[in-house]
Amino acid sequence: MGVKATCPKVHVFRVHFLLEFINSVSVLLEMGRLSATDQYNQELTLGDANANGECTNLYLRIVLGACGRMKKLGIELGLAKLAGFATAGYAIGLHIRFASAHIMVQTYDARWIEQYTERGYMLCDPIVSWGFGNVGAARWSSLIHPDPHNILQQARQYGLNYGVAVACGPTTSRSIGGLARGDREFTDPEIAQITEIFNILHRESLPPSSLTMAQVMALRLLAKGCRHAEAAALLGISESALKARLRSARDRLLSRTTTEAIQRAREYNLL
């Protein structure tokens, strides 16, 4: 008796608002008007202390976490598009800082990757050398950089007969890639498309400059060796809430595991 029936209406309104929000984000992403790296995967505080506010905040966190996963999906789709051009494989390093790439992907013949790695060819690779000194794209056949170890010639033994080098970004966070074919040179239109995709990958894979305090505290406890139950108790939250924070941190850091997320957070001085 005397119970107001406003809460269901408010919830319905908020759910409708949420659906409109999701639709707007999807449309903007499709139009290229919104980057998946925008702050939509940050935790959001609405300032509502009432039940309706907390409910909305929970729904929004779900959506924001999904946007972080959309970012990862976008990168995977970009890599798949590059694979369609590079029939003999590719190797790309996104946001190379202090001789280490934020994301490194190689799809060349495994035997070539092994030989390249064991002999430390990256230090004298003409493609890498070109990439640090230039931005844009260039066919391997046009490179005039020194190749004392005949790396490009050795690569031909594994089907990398023709290739294109691409590079973008500032020297402090340069992205460099090499794509190869075995049958012919890349055409100008193909190189233009590859360059466009590569620039998008560079933008979408930008390492985060910050994490939320909730994400930092969760990662710190796990980094110290705490188990999930122990970390959750220390933070005064449920274990499922802790796992949600860790998942959002992994999405933010483009990491597949919590261990990898901790490592990257340390590399970026976020912990």
Foldseek 3Di string as FASTA:
>chain_A
DPDDPVVVVLLVVLVVVLVVVLVVVVVCVVVVVDFLLPPQLAQDDPPDPDPSNVVSSVSSNVVSLVSLVVLLVLLVVLVVVLCVQQVQWKWKAAFQAPNHGLDIDTDHDPVLVVVCVVVVCCVPDLLNVVQLVDAAKDKPVPGPGDDPPPSQVVSVVRQQVIKMKHWDDDSNTIMIMIGGHNPDYDDPVRSVVNRVSSVSSNVSQPQDLEHDPLLVQLLVCVVVPDDLCRSCVVVVHDSVVSVSSLSSLCSNSVHPDSVVSSVSCVVSVHD
